Every structure is written in structure tokens, then in C-alpha cells.
């Protein structure tokens, strides 16, 4: 498949990138959006530039992937920051990537918080409101990606932002619609066939089956694959194939 030669997909397929993995060239042909780390939980200016250039090469939409300042734990440790500190660090990350996209003749399309910041904003309205305010200040045209049906979506809509309900191909769910914590053994979906099965259920039935076997409703605007997953490329290829050959 040549760069930029994507077959149209029925839904956005996004991937977390710029995080120091070595599979990004292989992933790009099978996704439609890239959430690029902004040098705080991973990456630096050079990786941001390289990932932006790669996204442009493959005609991929670009989003900022801001995090708590937790490089040691890859942004996956919850942190207590003042409201001003959190607001400032989010603005800083968005603006850093926005500058690079502008210098490359393109623009940011969305923002998706990373890791512990994403999980906190999903359940804590106060945090979600700070993030939404920061995104709007950086650029009110940006789309905010948030966990489907969560506080992130509610706060962003209240701020007047366009939102995207995000679901996951490679993560399992709890009965309340939250993601299974990574500390638990069932948190990750590593088999491409299982990822495809979950995604098709999400798209065709607008539901997901939790780790406890419960079926819960789920709104879907964009689907995430984690770029740091062991089988990320295999999952991306399987999803792309399924989404271009299956009626959903």
C-alpha cells in the first residue's frame, strides 16, 4: 500500500505515537489519526517533528497527546497538581506540537489526554473541565477525544468544544464503562481476532461486553490502538482489513 492510499474507513482509527516505539512506519498505513506525545511523558522535539512528518507522508490527521509530567512512569501514574499547574502544562504541550505542525504546513485536529490524565479526566469533572478549558484556549476548533460517555466528553461539550467518544480495540472494560486497570491481568487485548471482535460489536451493536460478561451501551466516534502494544501492528492490520471489508 502506498503512503496516503487509505481506503476510507467507516470510523476514525487512532493510535498513540511519538512515544519512542519502533513500529510507527508499519502502523501508519492502517490508521487515520495519530495522537502524538508532546515531550512530557515520552518523546522530545525531534521525535515530535519526525512523527508529524511521518503522519503528513501517510495523510494522517494529527492530534496532541498531553500527559501528566511523569516521564519515569510513562505518564501512567496519577498526580496531584494545582489547577494552574495542570492548565499550564496542558497548554504548553498543545502549543509545542501546534508550532511544529504549523512549521510543516499542516495543523492540529484534536487533543487526547494520555494515561493517568486521561483516566482521571474520564471520572473527575473538575479535571475534565480544566483540560477542556486549556484545549479551548489553545484552539477552540480542536476536537477533544475522551473516554466514551465520560466526564471528559461532558466537560468538553459544556465548554463548546467538538468531541469524539473514544473506545478501545486493545483494552477491556469494567461494568461502569471504565477501562480495566492495567494492574489487572485481563486489562489488555493482545490477540488481533479478539480486538476485531470487540470493535465490530462496538460498531454494529453500539455495545461492549465487559470482563464480567455484562453488555453495556457505548457511543463510538473513534477507536484507539495503543502504539506501545506488543501486537499493535498486527491488531491495526486486522482492524483495517475488517473495517474495509465488513458492513458496519
Protein backbone atom coordinates (compact mmCIF):
# COMPACT_ATOMS: atom_id res chain seq x y z
CA UNK A 1 0.00 0.00 0.00
CA UNK A 2 1.45 3.39 -0.97
CA UNK A 3 1.66 6.22 1.60
CA UNK A 4 -1.56 8.18 1.69
CA UNK A 5 -3.50 5.48 -0.19
CA UNK A 6 -6.00 4.74 2.58
CA UNK A 7 -9.25 3.02 1.76
CA UNK A 8 -11.95 5.08 3.52
CA UNK A 9 -12.91 3.62 6.88
CA UNK A 10 -16.39 3.83 8.46
CA UNK A 11 -14.85 5.20 11.68
CA UNK A 12 -11.68 7.00 12.74
CA UNK A 13 -8.89 4.64 13.82
CA UNK A 14 -6.42 6.45 16.05
CA UNK A 15 -3.07 5.43 17.53
CA UNK A 16 -0.83 6.85 20.26
CA UNK A 17 2.53 7.71 18.72
CA UNK A 18 5.78 9.59 19.20
CA UNK A 19 6.44 7.54 22.32
CA UNK A 20 9.77 6.01 21.34
CA UNK A 21 8.42 2.85 19.75
CA UNK A 22 9.91 1.49 16.53
CA UNK A 23 6.72 0.40 14.78
CA UNK A 24 5.29 3.72 13.64
CA UNK A 25 6.20 3.36 9.96
CA UNK A 26 4.45 -0.02 9.91
CA UNK A 27 1.37 1.30 11.74
CA UNK A 28 0.73 4.45 9.69
CA UNK A 29 -0.84 2.77 6.61
CA UNK A 30 -3.57 1.25 8.78
CA UNK A 31 -4.75 4.22 10.89
CA UNK A 32 -6.41 7.56 10.19
CA UNK A 33 -5.36 9.67 13.21
CA UNK A 34 -2.18 9.91 15.28
CA UNK A 35 -2.06 11.15 18.88
CA UNK A 36 1.49 12.45 19.23
CA UNK A 37 3.27 12.58 22.59
CA UNK A 38 4.33 16.14 23.36
CA UNK A 39 7.67 15.54 25.09
CA UNK A 40 6.40 15.21 28.65
CA UNK A 41 5.59 11.53 29.25
CA UNK A 42 7.62 10.49 26.20
CA UNK A 43 9.43 11.90 23.19
CA UNK A 44 11.06 15.25 22.59
CA UNK A 45 11.08 17.93 19.91
CA UNK A 46 12.93 15.68 17.48
CA UNK A 47 10.51 12.76 17.85
CA UNK A 48 7.58 15.14 17.59
CA UNK A 49 8.94 16.52 14.32
CA UNK A 50 9.68 13.07 12.91
CA UNK A 51 6.23 11.78 13.83
CA UNK A 52 4.50 14.82 12.35
CA UNK A 53 6.48 14.36 9.12
CA UNK A 54 5.55 10.68 9.03
CA UNK A 55 1.87 11.50 9.59
CA UNK A 56 1.92 14.01 6.74
CA UNK A 57 3.58 11.44 4.49
CA UNK A 58 0.74 9.00 5.16
CA UNK A 59 -2.06 11.61 5.14
CA UNK A 60 -2.86 11.01 8.81
CA UNK A 61 -4.75 13.51 10.97
CA UNK A 62 -2.61 14.83 13.82
CA UNK A 63 -3.57 15.30 17.46
CA UNK A 64 -1.74 16.29 20.64
CA UNK A 65 -1.34 13.68 23.37
CA UNK A 66 -0.66 15.68 26.58
CA UNK A 67 0.18 13.98 29.85
CA UNK A 68 0.98 14.46 33.49
CA UNK A 69 4.71 15.31 33.91
CA UNK A 70 5.56 11.69 34.70
CA UNK A 71 8.30 10.58 32.36
CA UNK A 72 9.56 7.98 34.83
CA UNK A 73 6.32 6.02 34.68
CA UNK A 74 5.32 6.84 31.09
CA UNK A 75 2.53 9.13 32.26
CA UNK A 76 0.64 6.30 33.88
CA UNK A 77 0.90 7.47 37.50
CA UNK A 78 -1.86 9.71 38.85
CA UNK A 79 -0.53 13.06 40.10
CA UNK A 80 -1.86 15.87 42.25
CA UNK A 81 -1.22 19.23 40.59
CA UNK A 82 -2.70 22.62 41.27
CA UNK A 83 -5.34 23.77 38.83
CA UNK A 84 -2.98 26.39 37.41
CA UNK A 85 -0.11 23.90 37.05
CA UNK A 86 -2.31 21.38 35.24
CA UNK A 87 -3.77 24.02 32.95
CA UNK A 88 -0.33 25.39 32.12
CA UNK A 89 1.27 22.04 31.36
CA UNK A 90 -1.57 21.06 29.03
CA UNK A 91 -1.40 24.37 27.18
CA UNK A 92 2.39 24.04 26.91
CA UNK A 93 2.16 20.58 25.33
CA UNK A 94 -0.54 21.51 22.85
CA UNK A 95 1.28 24.67 21.80
CA UNK A 96 4.58 22.79 21.36
CA UNK A 97 3.04 20.38 18.87
CA UNK A 98 0.91 23.07 17.27
CA UNK A 99 4.07 25.03 16.46
CA UNK A 100 5.66 22.00 14.80
CA UNK A 101 2.59 21.21 12.71
CA UNK A 102 2.39 24.82 11.58
CA UNK A 103 6.04 24.80 10.55
CA UNK A 104 5.30 21.71 8.48
CA UNK A 105 2.38 23.28 6.68
CA UNK A 106 -0.37 21.40 8.48
CA UNK A 107 -2.46 21.78 11.64
CA UNK A 108 -3.62 20.01 14.76
CA UNK A 109 -7.05 18.41 14.54
CA UNK A 110 -7.61 17.03 18.04
CA UNK A 111 -6.35 16.55 21.59
CA UNK A 112 -6.37 13.29 23.50
CA UNK A 113 -5.04 13.24 27.09
CA UNK A 114 -2.66 10.40 27.88
CA UNK A 115 -2.56 7.68 30.52
CA UNK A 116 -3.37 8.66 34.07
CA UNK A 117 -4.50 12.12 32.98
CA UNK A 118 -6.97 10.54 30.54
CA UNK A 119 -8.30 8.17 33.19
CA UNK A 120 -8.68 10.91 35.77
CA UNK A 121 -10.47 13.24 33.38
CA UNK A 122 -12.84 10.42 32.49
CA UNK A 123 -14.17 10.19 36.04
CA UNK A 124 -13.37 13.58 37.60
CA UNK A 125 -15.39 16.51 36.27
CA UNK A 126 -13.07 19.10 37.80
CA UNK A 127 -10.04 17.72 35.96
CA UNK A 128 -12.05 17.31 32.78
CA UNK A 129 -13.15 20.95 32.97
CA UNK A 130 -9.56 22.19 33.33
CA UNK A 131 -8.50 20.14 30.32
CA UNK A 132 -11.43 21.39 28.25
CA UNK A 133 -10.63 24.99 29.19
CA UNK A 134 -6.98 24.53 28.21
CA UNK A 135 -7.88 22.95 24.87
CA UNK A 136 -10.31 25.74 24.07
CA UNK A 137 -7.70 28.36 24.97
CA UNK A 138 -5.12 26.68 22.72
CA UNK A 139 -7.52 26.38 19.78
CA UNK A 140 -11.34 26.25 20.03
CA UNK A 141 -11.54 24.32 16.75
CA UNK A 142 -9.73 21.29 18.22
CA UNK A 143 -11.72 18.10 18.80
CA UNK A 144 -11.35 16.59 22.26
CA UNK A 145 -11.09 12.79 22.35
CA UNK A 146 -12.41 11.36 25.61
CA UNK A 147 -13.50 8.01 27.00
CA UNK A 148 -16.94 7.27 25.62
CA UNK A 149 -19.72 8.64 27.78
CA UNK A 150 -17.34 10.01 30.41
CA UNK A 151 -16.82 13.31 32.23
CA UNK A 152 -14.27 14.22 29.55
CA UNK A 153 -16.99 14.37 26.91
CA UNK A 154 -19.48 16.19 29.15
CA UNK A 155 -16.99 18.89 30.18
CA UNK A 156 -15.75 19.42 26.63
CA UNK A 157 -19.28 19.83 25.31
CA UNK A 158 -20.05 22.29 28.12
CA UNK A 159 -17.00 24.29 27.04
CA UNK A 160 -18.30 24.41 23.49
CA UNK A 161 -15.75 22.02 22.03
CA UNK A 162 -16.41 19.37 19.41
CA UNK A 163 -15.98 15.94 20.98
CA UNK A 164 -15.24 12.36 19.93
CA UNK A 165 -16.41 9.42 22.04
CA UNK A 166 -13.39 7.12 22.12
CA UNK A 167 -13.43 3.35 22.52
CA UNK A 168 -10.54 0.90 22.59
CA UNK A 169 -9.64 -2.06 20.43
CA UNK A 170 -6.94 -3.38 22.74
CA UNK A 171 -8.35 -2.75 26.22
CA UNK A 172 -11.12 -4.45 28.19
CA UNK A 173 -13.95 -2.76 30.04
CA UNK A 174 -15.46 -2.72 33.50
CA UNK A 175 -19.21 -2.76 34.12
CA UNK A 176 -19.29 1.03 34.64
CA UNK A 177 -17.76 1.67 31.21
CA UNK A 178 -14.29 2.42 32.53
CA UNK A 179 -11.19 0.68 31.23
CA UNK A 180 -9.88 -2.28 33.21
CA UNK A 181 -6.82 -1.03 35.14
CA UNK A 182 -3.51 -2.13 33.63
CA UNK A 183 -2.60 -3.63 37.01
CA UNK A 184 -5.17 -6.38 36.42
CA UNK A 185 -4.39 -9.43 34.26
CA UNK A 186 -7.38 -9.01 31.92
CA UNK A 187 -6.67 -5.37 31.07
CA UNK A 188 -5.13 -5.85 27.63
CA UNK A 189 -6.38 -7.46 24.44
CA UNK A 190 -3.35 -8.85 22.62
CA UNK A 191 -4.95 -11.12 20.03
CA UNK A 192 -5.95 -9.40 16.75
CA UNK A 193 -9.02 -11.64 16.42
CA UNK A 194 -10.31 -10.54 19.83
CA UNK A 195 -9.68 -6.89 19.03
CA UNK A 196 -11.61 -7.20 15.76
CA UNK A 197 -14.48 -8.96 17.54
CA UNK A 198 -14.74 -6.19 20.15
CA UNK A 199 -14.58 -3.42 17.56
CA UNK A 200 -17.22 -4.97 15.32
CA UNK A 201 -19.53 -5.35 18.31
CA UNK A 202 -18.94 -1.71 19.21
CA UNK A 203 -19.73 -0.53 15.69
CA UNK A 204 -22.56 -2.88 14.80
CA UNK A 205 -24.35 -3.09 18.14
CA UNK A 206 -23.10 0.06 19.92
CA UNK A 207 -22.27 -2.14 22.92
CA UNK A 208 -19.25 -3.76 24.54
CA UNK A 209 -19.00 -6.88 26.68
CA UNK A 210 -17.24 -6.26 29.98
CA UNK A 211 -14.76 -8.57 31.73
CA UNK A 212 -17.70 -9.75 33.85
CA UNK A 213 -19.75 -10.70 30.82
CA UNK A 214 -22.15 -7.76 31.04
CA UNK A 215 -23.23 -5.99 27.84
CA UNK A 216 -23.25 -2.20 28.18
CA UNK A 217 -24.09 0.57 25.67
CA UNK A 218 -21.21 2.55 24.18
CA UNK A 219 -21.15 5.55 21.84
CA UNK A 220 -18.41 5.33 19.20
CA UNK A 221 -16.72 8.12 17.21
CA UNK A 222 -13.10 6.97 17.21
CA UNK A 223 -11.26 3.73 18.02
CA UNK A 224 -7.85 3.61 19.68
CA UNK A 225 -4.94 1.24 19.24
CA UNK A 226 -2.01 1.72 21.63
CA UNK A 227 1.19 2.09 19.64
CA UNK A 228 3.24 0.64 22.50
CA UNK A 229 1.28 -2.61 22.48
CA UNK A 230 3.25 -5.76 21.74
CA UNK A 231 0.94 -6.69 18.85
CA UNK A 232 -0.04 -3.15 17.81
CA UNK A 233 0.81 -3.53 14.13
CA UNK A 234 -0.90 -6.92 13.83
CA UNK A 235 -4.03 -5.52 15.51
CA UNK A 236 -4.01 -2.43 13.28
CA UNK A 237 -3.72 -4.57 10.12
CA UNK A 238 -6.52 -6.87 11.26
CA UNK A 239 -8.81 -3.96 12.11
CA UNK A 240 -8.10 -2.16 8.86
CA UNK A 241 -8.88 -5.33 6.92
CA UNK A 242 -12.10 -5.94 8.85
CA UNK A 243 -13.27 -2.33 8.58
CA UNK A 244 -12.69 -2.19 4.83
CA UNK A 245 -14.44 -5.49 4.10
CA UNK A 246 -17.28 -5.66 6.66
CA UNK A 247 -20.53 -3.71 6.55
CA UNK A 248 -20.90 -1.80 9.83
